[in-house]
Protein backbone atom coordinates (compact mmCIF):
# COMPACT_ATOMS: atom_id res chain seq x y z
CA GLY A 1 24.14 -34.75 -5.32
CA THR A 2 26.33 -33.86 -2.42
CA ILE A 3 25.30 -34.34 1.18
CA VAL A 4 26.61 -31.83 3.70
CA GLU A 5 26.08 -32.47 7.40
CA THR A 6 26.11 -29.34 9.54
CA VAL A 7 25.72 -29.08 13.32
CA SER A 8 24.34 -25.89 14.81
CA PRO A 9 22.71 -25.20 18.20
CA ASP A 10 20.21 -22.98 16.38
CA PRO A 11 20.11 -23.42 12.60
CA GLY A 12 17.60 -20.64 11.95
CA ARG A 13 15.58 -20.82 8.71
CA ALA A 14 17.69 -23.75 7.49
CA ALA A 15 15.70 -25.97 9.87
CA LEU A 16 12.62 -25.13 7.78
CA THR A 17 14.05 -24.86 4.29
CA GLY A 18 16.93 -27.36 4.37
CA ASP A 19 19.00 -24.79 2.44
CA LEU A 20 22.52 -24.20 3.80
CA ARG A 21 22.28 -20.56 2.68
CA ASP A 22 19.61 -20.17 5.39
CA LEU A 23 21.90 -21.48 8.16
CA ASN A 24 21.80 -19.05 11.11
CA VAL A 25 19.40 -16.75 9.21
CA PHE A 26 16.32 -15.53 11.07
CA ASP A 27 13.18 -13.67 10.02
CA THR A 28 12.96 -10.57 12.17
CA PRO A 29 9.35 -9.67 13.01
CA SER A 30 7.89 -6.19 13.15
CA LEU A 31 7.71 -4.40 16.51
CA ARG A 32 4.04 -3.58 15.91
CA GLY A 33 1.90 -5.24 18.58
CA LEU A 34 5.02 -6.34 20.45
CA LYS A 35 3.31 -6.46 23.85
CA HIS A 36 1.02 -9.22 22.56
CA THR A 37 3.75 -11.53 21.26
CA ALA A 38 5.49 -12.85 24.40
CA PRO A 39 7.53 -14.93 24.94
CA TYR A 40 10.42 -13.20 23.18
CA PHE A 41 13.60 -14.16 21.28
CA HIS A 42 13.70 -16.82 18.61
CA ASP A 43 13.88 -19.52 21.29
CA ASN A 44 11.14 -18.03 23.56
CA SER A 45 13.65 -17.63 26.40
CA ALA A 46 12.39 -14.21 27.63
CA ASN A 47 8.93 -14.19 29.17
CA ASN A 48 8.51 -10.40 29.20
CA LEU A 49 10.13 -7.21 27.95
CA GLU A 50 11.96 -6.69 31.24
CA GLU A 51 13.81 -9.97 30.65
CA VAL A 52 14.70 -8.89 27.11
CA ILE A 53 16.24 -5.63 28.29
CA ASP A 54 17.97 -7.32 31.23
CA HIS A 55 19.48 -9.82 28.79
CA TYR A 56 21.03 -7.00 26.73
CA ASN A 57 22.18 -5.21 29.89
CA ASN A 58 23.90 -8.36 31.16
CA HIS A 59 25.41 -9.73 27.95
CA PHE A 60 26.08 -6.79 25.64
CA GLN A 61 26.75 -3.84 27.95
CA PHE A 62 23.53 -2.20 26.82
CA ARG A 63 23.60 -0.03 29.93
CA ILE A 64 20.42 1.86 30.72
CA SER A 65 18.96 2.98 34.01
CA LEU A 66 15.81 1.50 35.53
CA GLN A 67 13.92 4.65 34.52
CA GLU A 68 15.19 4.37 30.94
CA ARG A 69 14.23 0.69 30.92
CA ASP A 70 10.72 1.51 32.10
CA ASP A 71 10.43 4.29 29.51
CA LEU A 72 11.61 1.94 26.75
CA ILE A 73 9.09 -0.70 27.79
CA ALA A 74 6.29 1.88 27.86
CA PHE A 75 7.26 2.99 24.34
CA LEU A 76 7.45 -0.56 22.98
CA GLU A 77 4.06 -1.40 24.47
CA ILE A 78 2.32 1.41 22.56
CA LEU A 79 3.55 0.23 19.16
């Protein structure tokens, strides 16, 4: 067999399966019951939904107002 060494800061499913086809592949969970699943992100780096939305606002120009943020959080919490 062939051995392939790969370095990744976050290998995704490949860390579990050992399959290179799973490198940087993630299982995306349902939004149902989201308010009960903190911390958020695959690396648990966001402690609450406010931090999730702030992350997108700061890194991906996902620009929403504070009222829109609060409305989005209220919606996500009822799922």
